[in-house]
């Protein structure tokens, strides 16, 4: 097998993890969004809007898993606000409101204890590192990366919001391959989601590594989606990569 020269990482539940259930976090975030819109003189109903936004967000999540296209939460918010009678709401005001939403959800993400140690070890072994994350908002991910001091490790960072395509679509993987100037057989993908990270990597011939410590204990590998390797901790990566035949 061609030696692995680069490792692609997922972000959520791979390098960072949620400390609490998302239900309460999203409820607070939706209210923060509504209050921020009202403060920007976009006079939505602050009582009903959080629930209307939640309904649209849930439908957006369903739709994007079918199409693998990431049209962004910003565009979804823009459309909802237009339906509420504000079709000309300034982009800058909507961005401030959406930032208020994500400032709340960002508080629920914590860095994995072994993330920095594992990434440092890989860099010392001269691996190129890339991060490809499925996310509805690029600015949110960029903030999480900087809050957790992850940016210096990566030669390439791409979100589905910036790409327009979600894993397992080949496009977002190919963006990383092209940027690093490597073939799929020279790369490994580390992620927690079988039908995004692992399925996408397998389809291109990238060595797939499933990290399952944050995965529901009832989740098992799917018959048609099998990783090449399974780990429970990031710090296992340097040794595992040396053992790839």
C-alpha atoms as a PDB file:
ATOM      1  CA  UNK A   1       0.000   0.000   0.000  1.00  0.00           C
ATOM      2  CA  UNK A   2       1.138   3.573  -0.693  1.00  0.00           C
ATOM      3  CA  UNK A   3       2.389   5.196   2.543  1.00  0.00           C
ATOM      4  CA  UNK A   4      -0.071   7.585   4.183  1.00  0.00           C
ATOM      5  CA  UNK A   5       1.187  11.150   3.966  1.00  0.00           C
ATOM      6  CA  UNK A   6      -1.854  13.125   5.096  1.00  0.00           C
ATOM      7  CA  UNK A   7      -4.704  12.745   7.569  1.00  0.00           C
ATOM      8  CA  UNK A   8      -8.097  14.365   7.138  1.00  0.00           C
ATOM      9  CA  UNK A   9     -10.030  15.080  10.331  1.00  0.00           C
ATOM     10  CA  UNK A  10     -13.662  15.671  11.097  1.00  0.00           C
ATOM     11  CA  UNK A  11     -14.298  18.259  13.839  1.00  0.00           C
ATOM     12  CA  UNK A  12     -17.416  17.613  15.934  1.00  0.00           C
ATOM     13  CA  UNK A  13     -17.256  14.448  18.076  1.00  0.00           C
ATOM     14  CA  UNK A  14     -13.768  13.854  16.706  1.00  0.00           C
ATOM     15  CA  UNK A  15     -11.584  16.734  17.928  1.00  0.00           C
ATOM     16  CA  UNK A  16     -14.260  18.446  20.029  1.00  0.00           C
ATOM     17  CA  UNK A  17     -17.363  17.075  21.732  1.00  0.00           C
ATOM     18  CA  UNK A  18     -20.666  18.391  23.170  1.00  0.00           C
ATOM     19  CA  UNK A  19     -20.724  18.495  26.964  1.00  0.00           C
ATOM     20  CA  UNK A  20     -24.524  18.484  27.264  1.00  0.00           C
ATOM     21  CA  UNK A  21     -27.629  17.521  25.315  1.00  0.00           C
ATOM     22  CA  UNK A  22     -28.257  19.800  22.347  1.00  0.00           C
ATOM     23  CA  UNK A  23     -31.947  20.330  23.102  1.00  0.00           C
ATOM     24  CA  UNK A  24     -31.489  22.944  25.828  1.00  0.00           C
ATOM     25  CA  UNK A  25     -28.546  24.551  24.034  1.00  0.00           C
ATOM     26  CA  UNK A  26     -30.522  25.049  20.826  1.00  0.00           C
ATOM     27  CA  UNK A  27     -33.490  26.453  22.732  1.00  0.00           C
ATOM     28  CA  UNK A  28     -31.255  29.112  24.304  1.00  0.00           C
ATOM     29  CA  UNK A  29     -29.577  29.771  20.947  1.00  0.00           C
ATOM     30  CA  UNK A  30     -32.901  30.235  19.152  1.00  0.00           C
ATOM     31  CA  UNK A  31     -33.986  32.771  21.764  1.00  0.00           C
ATOM     32  CA  UNK A  32     -30.656  34.605  21.488  1.00  0.00           C
ATOM     33  CA  UNK A  33     -31.161  34.788  17.731  1.00  0.00           C
ATOM     34  CA  UNK A  34     -34.668  36.242  18.061  1.00  0.00           C
ATOM     35  CA  UNK A  35     -33.540  38.809  20.614  1.00  0.00           C
ATOM     36  CA  UNK A  36     -30.611  39.834  18.418  1.00  0.00           C
ATOM     37  CA  UNK A  37     -32.907  40.314  15.423  1.00  0.00           C
ATOM     38  CA  UNK A  38     -35.232  42.501  17.478  1.00  0.00           C
ATOM     39  CA  UNK A  39     -32.265  44.505  18.750  1.00  0.00           C
ATOM     40  CA  UNK A  40     -31.282  45.092  15.099  1.00  0.00           C
ATOM     41  CA  UNK A  41     -34.750  46.588  14.483  1.00  0.00           C
ATOM     42  CA  UNK A  42     -35.998  43.536  12.603  1.00  0.00           C
ATOM     43  CA  UNK A  43     -39.329  43.381  14.396  1.00  0.00           C
ATOM     44  CA  UNK A  44     -40.092  39.672  14.429  1.00  0.00           C
ATOM     45  CA  UNK A  45     -42.223  38.171  17.215  1.00  0.00           C
ATOM     46  CA  UNK A  46     -39.600  37.172  19.782  1.00  0.00           C
ATOM     47  CA  UNK A  47     -42.011  34.704  21.388  1.00  0.00           C
ATOM     48  CA  UNK A  48     -42.871  32.638  18.323  1.00  0.00           C
ATOM     49  CA  UNK A  49     -39.779  33.135  16.164  1.00  0.00           C
ATOM     50  CA  UNK A  50     -37.476  30.786  18.150  1.00  0.00           C
ATOM     51  CA  UNK A  51     -39.867  27.903  17.482  1.00  0.00           C
ATOM     52  CA  UNK A  52     -40.363  28.845  13.838  1.00  0.00           C
ATOM     53  CA  UNK A  53     -36.611  28.998  13.358  1.00  0.00           C
ATOM     54  CA  UNK A  54     -36.216  25.608  15.061  1.00  0.00           C
ATOM     55  CA  UNK A  55     -38.778  24.077  12.696  1.00  0.00           C
ATOM     56  CA  UNK A  56     -36.987  25.486   9.653  1.00  0.00           C
ATOM     57  CA  UNK A  57     -33.627  24.367  11.006  1.00  0.00           C
ATOM     58  CA  UNK A  58     -34.836  20.811  11.519  1.00  0.00           C
ATOM     59  CA  UNK A  59     -36.208  20.684   7.968  1.00  0.00           C
ATOM     60  CA  UNK A  60     -32.946  22.098   6.655  1.00  0.00           C
ATOM     61  CA  UNK A  61     -31.051  19.312   8.429  1.00  0.00           C
ATOM     62  CA  UNK A  62     -33.303  16.699   6.815  1.00  0.00           C
ATOM     63  CA  UNK A  63     -33.033  18.200   3.336  1.00  0.00           C
ATOM     64  CA  UNK A  64     -29.257  18.497   3.311  1.00  0.00           C
ATOM     65  CA  UNK A  65     -28.776  14.850   4.239  1.00  0.00           C
ATOM     66  CA  UNK A  66     -30.769  13.926   1.137  1.00  0.00           C
ATOM     67  CA  UNK A  67     -29.153  16.326  -1.325  1.00  0.00           C
ATOM     68  CA  UNK A  68     -25.670  16.537   0.257  1.00  0.00           C
ATOM     69  CA  UNK A  69     -25.787  20.234  -0.624  1.00  0.00           C
ATOM     70  CA  UNK A  70     -25.011  22.772   2.101  1.00  0.00           C
ATOM     71  CA  UNK A  71     -27.034  25.900   1.387  1.00  0.00           C
ATOM     72  CA  UNK A  72     -26.095  27.371   4.823  1.00  0.00           C
ATOM     73  CA  UNK A  73     -28.087  28.375   7.867  1.00  0.00           C
ATOM     74  CA  UNK A  74     -27.569  32.015   6.889  1.00  0.00           C
ATOM     75  CA  UNK A  75     -29.567  31.571   3.698  1.00  0.00           C
ATOM     76  CA  UNK A  76     -32.237  29.684   5.624  1.00  0.00           C
ATOM     77  CA  UNK A  77     -32.478  32.544   8.137  1.00  0.00           C
ATOM     78  CA  UNK A  78     -32.622  35.069   5.310  1.00  0.00           C
ATOM     79  CA  UNK A  79     -35.554  33.227   3.725  1.00  0.00           C
ATOM     80  CA  UNK A  80     -37.441  32.905   7.013  1.00  0.00           C
ATOM     81  CA  UNK A  81     -37.004  36.587   7.848  1.00  0.00           C
ATOM     82  CA  UNK A  82     -38.215  37.483   4.345  1.00  0.00           C
ATOM     83  CA  UNK A  83     -41.329  35.350   4.886  1.00  0.00           C
ATOM     84  CA  UNK A  84     -41.952  37.293   8.097  1.00  0.00           C
ATOM     85  CA  UNK A  85     -42.113  40.533   6.142  1.00  0.00           C
ATOM     86  CA  UNK A  86     -38.495  41.669   6.021  1.00  0.00           C
ATOM     87  CA  UNK A  87     -37.196  40.741   2.547  1.00  0.00           C
ATOM     88  CA  UNK A  88     -34.663  43.576   2.581  1.00  0.00           C
ATOM     89  CA  UNK A  89     -33.156  42.876   6.005  1.00  0.00           C
ATOM     90  CA  UNK A  90     -29.490  43.929   5.800  1.00  0.00           C
ATOM     91  CA  UNK A  91     -26.998  41.088   5.538  1.00  0.00           C
ATOM     92  CA  UNK A  92     -24.886  42.645   8.292  1.00  0.00           C
ATOM     93  CA  UNK A  93     -27.800  42.591  10.746  1.00  0.00           C
ATOM     94  CA  UNK A  94     -28.670  38.989   9.950  1.00  0.00           C
ATOM     95  CA  UNK A  95     -25.032  38.036  10.427  1.00  0.00           C
ATOM     96  CA  UNK A  96     -24.948  39.665  13.862  1.00  0.00           C
ATOM     97  CA  UNK A  97     -28.071  37.734  14.845  1.00  0.00           C
ATOM     98  CA  UNK A  98     -26.723  34.422  13.557  1.00  0.00           C
ATOM     99  CA  UNK A  99     -23.455  35.033  15.398  1.00  0.00           C
ATOM    100  CA  UNK A 100     -25.516  35.404  18.585  1.00  0.00           C
ATOM    101  CA  UNK A 101     -27.083  32.015  17.866  1.00  0.00           C
ATOM    102  CA  UNK A 102     -23.715  30.329  17.396  1.00  0.00           C
ATOM    103  CA  UNK A 103     -22.111  32.103  20.355  1.00  0.00           C
ATOM    104  CA  UNK A 104     -24.585  30.139  22.462  1.00  0.00           C
ATOM    105  CA  UNK A 105     -24.043  26.742  20.820  1.00  0.00           C
ATOM    106  CA  UNK A 106     -20.259  27.198  20.867  1.00  0.00           C
ATOM    107  CA  UNK A 107     -20.374  27.122  24.658  1.00  0.00           C
ATOM    108  CA  UNK A 108     -21.476  23.486  24.485  1.00  0.00           C
ATOM    109  CA  UNK A 109     -18.350  22.297  22.645  1.00  0.00           C
ATOM    110  CA  UNK A 110     -15.269  21.118  24.546  1.00  0.00           C
ATOM    111  CA  UNK A 111     -11.855  20.063  23.251  1.00  0.00           C
ATOM    112  CA  UNK A 112     -10.957  16.381  23.522  1.00  0.00           C
ATOM    113  CA  UNK A 113      -8.194  15.958  26.108  1.00  0.00           C
ATOM    114  CA  UNK A 114      -5.866  14.149  23.719  1.00  0.00           C
ATOM    115  CA  UNK A 115      -6.480  16.325  20.654  1.00  0.00           C
ATOM    116  CA  UNK A 116      -3.418  18.547  20.900  1.00  0.00           C
ATOM    117  CA  UNK A 117      -1.100  15.700  21.880  1.00  0.00           C
ATOM    118  CA  UNK A 118      -2.237  13.584  18.938  1.00  0.00           C
ATOM    119  CA  UNK A 119      -2.018  16.427  16.421  1.00  0.00           C
ATOM    120  CA  UNK A 120       1.441  17.434  17.663  1.00  0.00           C
ATOM    121  CA  UNK A 121       2.671  13.866  17.352  1.00  0.00           C
ATOM    122  CA  UNK A 122       1.366  13.598  13.798  1.00  0.00           C
ATOM    123  CA  UNK A 123       2.971  16.888  12.794  1.00  0.00           C
ATOM    124  CA  UNK A 124       6.282  15.752  14.289  1.00  0.00           C
ATOM    125  CA  UNK A 125       6.014  12.657  12.106  1.00  0.00           C
ATOM    126  CA  UNK A 126       5.685  14.945   9.047  1.00  0.00           C
ATOM    127  CA  UNK A 127       2.077  14.125   8.211  1.00  0.00           C
ATOM    128  CA  UNK A 128       0.075  16.822   6.456  1.00  0.00           C
ATOM    129  CA  UNK A 129      -3.178  17.515   8.272  1.00  0.00           C
ATOM    130  CA  UNK A 130      -6.481  18.745   6.855  1.00  0.00           C
ATOM    131  CA  UNK A 131      -9.858  19.390   8.457  1.00  0.00           C
ATOM    132  CA  UNK A 132     -13.108  18.830   6.563  1.00  0.00           C
ATOM    133  CA  UNK A 133     -16.269  19.442   8.549  1.00  0.00           C
ATOM    134  CA  UNK A 134     -19.962  19.196   7.768  1.00  0.00           C
ATOM    135  CA  UNK A 135     -21.471  22.417   9.108  1.00  0.00           C
ATOM    136  CA  UNK A 136     -24.163  24.880   8.152  1.00  0.00           C
ATOM    137  CA  UNK A 137     -22.074  27.950   8.929  1.00  0.00           C
ATOM    138  CA  UNK A 138     -18.428  28.478   8.058  1.00  0.00           C
ATOM    139  CA  UNK A 139     -17.856  31.295  10.556  1.00  0.00           C
ATOM    140  CA  UNK A 140     -19.078  29.073  13.396  1.00  0.00           C
ATOM    141  CA  UNK A 141     -16.509  26.392  12.604  1.00  0.00           C
ATOM    142  CA  UNK A 142     -13.703  28.908  12.154  1.00  0.00           C
ATOM    143  CA  UNK A 143     -14.498  30.322  15.603  1.00  0.00           C
ATOM    144  CA  UNK A 144     -14.478  26.854  17.187  1.00  0.00           C
ATOM    145  CA  UNK A 145     -11.134  26.106  15.547  1.00  0.00           C
ATOM    146  CA  UNK A 146      -9.588  29.272  16.947  1.00  0.00           C
ATOM    147  CA  UNK A 147     -11.179  28.951  20.397  1.00  0.00           C
ATOM    148  CA  UNK A 148      -9.550  25.542  20.707  1.00  0.00           C
ATOM    149  CA  UNK A 149      -6.186  26.606  19.191  1.00  0.00           C
ATOM    150  CA  UNK A 150      -6.423  24.042  16.387  1.00  0.00           C
ATOM    151  CA  UNK A 151      -5.609  26.187  13.354  1.00  0.00           C
ATOM    152  CA  UNK A 152      -1.774  25.910  13.491  1.00  0.00           C
ATOM    153  CA  UNK A 153      -1.918  22.155  12.919  1.00  0.00           C
ATOM    154  CA  UNK A 154      -3.803  22.232   9.630  1.00  0.00           C
ATOM    155  CA  UNK A 155      -2.589  22.914   6.111  1.00  0.00           C
ATOM    156  CA  UNK A 156      -6.145  22.952   4.784  1.00  0.00           C
ATOM    157  CA  UNK A 157      -9.530  23.637   6.377  1.00  0.00           C
ATOM    158  CA  UNK A 158     -12.840  23.324   4.551  1.00  0.00           C
ATOM    159  CA  UNK A 159     -16.417  23.292   5.800  1.00  0.00           C
ATOM    160  CA  UNK A 160     -19.391  22.106   3.824  1.00  0.00           C
ATOM    161  CA  UNK A 161     -20.809  25.620   4.204  1.00  0.00           C
ATOM    162  CA  UNK A 162     -17.806  26.974   2.287  1.00  0.00           C
ATOM    163  CA  UNK A 163     -17.686  24.058  -0.146  1.00  0.00           C
ATOM    164  CA  UNK A 164     -21.388  23.781  -0.883  1.00  0.00           C
ATOM    165  CA  UNK A 165     -21.159  19.992  -0.562  1.00  0.00           C
ATOM    166  CA  UNK A 166     -21.430  17.739   2.485  1.00  0.00           C
ATOM    167  CA  UNK A 167     -19.554  14.565   3.253  1.00  0.00           C
ATOM    168  CA  UNK A 168     -19.865  11.889   1.902  1.00  0.00           C
ATOM    169  CA  UNK A 169     -19.991  13.832  -1.391  1.00  0.00           C
ATOM    170  CA  UNK A 170     -16.674  13.368  -3.149  1.00  0.00           C
ATOM    171  CA  UNK A 171     -16.306  17.088  -3.921  1.00  0.00           C
ATOM    172  CA  UNK A 172     -15.301  18.161  -0.411  1.00  0.00           C
ATOM    173  CA  UNK A 173     -12.733  15.344  -0.178  1.00  0.00           C
ATOM    174  CA  UNK A 174     -11.353  16.223  -3.596  1.00  0.00           C
ATOM    175  CA  UNK A 175     -10.900  19.834  -2.513  1.00  0.00           C
ATOM    176  CA  UNK A 176      -8.554  18.635   0.227  1.00  0.00           C
ATOM    177  CA  UNK A 177      -6.746  16.221  -2.085  1.00  0.00           C
ATOM    178  CA  UNK A 178      -6.201  18.910  -4.704  1.00  0.00           C
ATOM    179  CA  UNK A 179      -4.982  21.458  -2.174  1.00  0.00           C
ATOM    180  CA  UNK A 180      -2.452  19.022  -0.703  1.00  0.00           C
ATOM    181  CA  UNK A 181      -1.474  17.616  -4.098  1.00  0.00           C
ATOM    182  CA  UNK A 182      -2.029  14.011  -3.029  1.00  0.00           C
ATOM    183  CA  UNK A 183      -3.821  10.901  -4.270  1.00  0.00           C
ATOM    184  CA  UNK A 184      -6.569   9.252  -2.168  1.00  0.00           C
ATOM    185  CA  UNK A 185      -4.298   6.268  -1.438  1.00  0.00           C
ATOM    186  CA  UNK A 186      -1.869   8.636   0.301  1.00  0.00           C
ATOM    187  CA  UNK A 187      -4.472   9.849   2.800  1.00  0.00           C
ATOM    188  CA  UNK A 188      -6.469   8.702   5.819  1.00  0.00           C
ATOM    189  CA  UNK A 189      -9.771  10.070   7.129  1.00  0.00           C
ATOM    190  CA  UNK A 190     -10.606  10.184  10.850  1.00  0.00           C
ATOM    191  CA  UNK A 191     -14.219  10.780  11.853  1.00  0.00           C
ATOM    192  CA  UNK A 192     -17.133   9.607  13.965  1.00  0.00           C
ATOM    193  CA  UNK A 193     -19.894   9.380  11.354  1.00  0.00           C
ATOM    194  CA  UNK A 194     -20.137   6.196   9.332  1.00  0.00           C
ATOM    195  CA  UNK A 195     -22.386   7.519   6.571  1.00  0.00           C
ATOM    196  CA  UNK A 196     -20.409  10.738   6.104  1.00  0.00           C
ATOM    197  CA  UNK A 197     -16.742  10.400   7.076  1.00  0.00           C
ATOM    198  CA  UNK A 198     -16.296   6.680   6.500  1.00  0.00           C
ATOM    199  CA  UNK A 199     -18.591   6.260   3.502  1.00  0.00           C
ATOM    200  CA  UNK A 200     -17.049   9.243   1.734  1.00  0.00           C
ATOM    201  CA  UNK A 201     -13.495   8.106   2.397  1.00  0.00           C
ATOM    202  CA  UNK A 202     -14.187   4.539   1.288  1.00  0.00           C
ATOM    203  CA  UNK A 203     -15.741   5.715  -1.978  1.00  0.00           C
ATOM    204  CA  UNK A 204     -12.547   7.516  -2.949  1.00  0.00           C
ATOM    205  CA  UNK A 205     -10.079   4.924  -1.677  1.00  0.00           C
ATOM    206  CA  UNK A 206      -8.996   6.983   1.341  1.00  0.00           C
ATOM    207  CA  UNK A 207      -8.005   4.883   4.378  1.00  0.00           C
ATOM    208  CA  UNK A 208     -10.980   5.251   6.751  1.00  0.00           C
ATOM    209  CA  UNK A 209     -10.567   5.393  10.535  1.00  0.00           C
ATOM    210  CA  UNK A 210     -13.691   5.424  12.678  1.00  0.00           C
ATOM    211  CA  UNK A 211     -13.304   7.078  16.096  1.00  0.00           C
ATOM    212  CA  UNK A 212     -16.227   5.842  18.143  1.00  0.00           C
ATOM    213  CA  UNK A 213     -15.795   7.083  21.706  1.00  0.00           C
ATOM    214  CA  UNK A 214     -18.553   9.697  21.260  1.00  0.00           C
ATOM    215  CA  UNK A 215     -20.777   7.429  19.200  1.00  0.00           C
ATOM    216  CA  UNK A 216     -23.979   6.013  20.677  1.00  0.00           C
ATOM    217  CA  UNK A 217     -23.114   2.641  22.191  1.00  0.00           C
ATOM    218  CA  UNK A 218     -25.877   0.991  20.167  1.00  0.00           C
ATOM    219  CA  UNK A 219     -24.290   2.121  16.898  1.00  0.00           C
ATOM    220  CA  UNK A 220     -22.556  -0.651  15.010  1.00  0.00           C
ATOM    221  CA  UNK A 221     -20.722  -0.657  11.729  1.00  0.00           C
ATOM    222  CA  UNK A 222     -23.149  -0.933   8.842  1.00  0.00           C
ATOM    223  CA  UNK A 223     -22.956  -3.853   6.455  1.00  0.00           C
ATOM    224  CA  UNK A 224     -22.174  -1.590   3.516  1.00  0.00           C
ATOM    225  CA  UNK A 225     -20.083   0.990   5.417  1.00  0.00           C
ATOM    226  CA  UNK A 226     -17.075  -0.550   7.114  1.00  0.00           C
ATOM    227  CA  UNK A 227     -14.048   1.430   8.271  1.00  0.00           C
ATOM    228  CA  UNK A 228     -10.560   0.144   7.629  1.00  0.00           C
ATOM    229  CA  UNK A 229      -9.704   0.732  11.293  1.00  0.00           C
ATOM    230  CA  UNK A 230     -11.446   1.668  14.549  1.00  0.00           C
ATOM    231  CA  UNK A 231     -10.023   3.727  17.431  1.00  0.00           C
ATOM    232  CA  UNK A 232     -11.425   5.076  20.679  1.00  0.00           C
ATOM    233  CA  UNK A 233      -8.797   7.755  21.323  1.00  0.00           C
ATOM    234  CA  UNK A 234      -6.986  10.193  19.059  1.00  0.00           C
ATOM    235  CA  UNK A 235      -3.683   9.389  20.709  1.00  0.00           C
ATOM    236  CA  UNK A 236      -3.893   5.912  19.147  1.00  0.00           C
ATOM    237  CA  UNK A 237      -3.417   7.415  15.691  1.00  0.00           C
ATOM    238  CA  UNK A 238       0.388   7.706  15.421  1.00  0.00           C
ATOM    239  CA  UNK A 239       0.903   4.025  16.231  1.00  0.00           C
ATOM    240  CA  UNK A 240      -2.008   2.901  14.038  1.00  0.00           C
ATOM    241  CA  UNK A 241      -0.707   4.785  11.010  1.00  0.00           C
ATOM    242  CA  UNK A 242       2.658   3.070  11.308  1.00  0.00           C
ATOM    243  CA  UNK A 243       0.914  -0.313  11.248  1.00  0.00           C
ATOM    244  CA  UNK A 244      -0.978   0.252   7.993  1.00  0.00           C
ATOM    245  CA  UNK A 245       0.338  -2.376   5.559  1.00  0.00           C
END
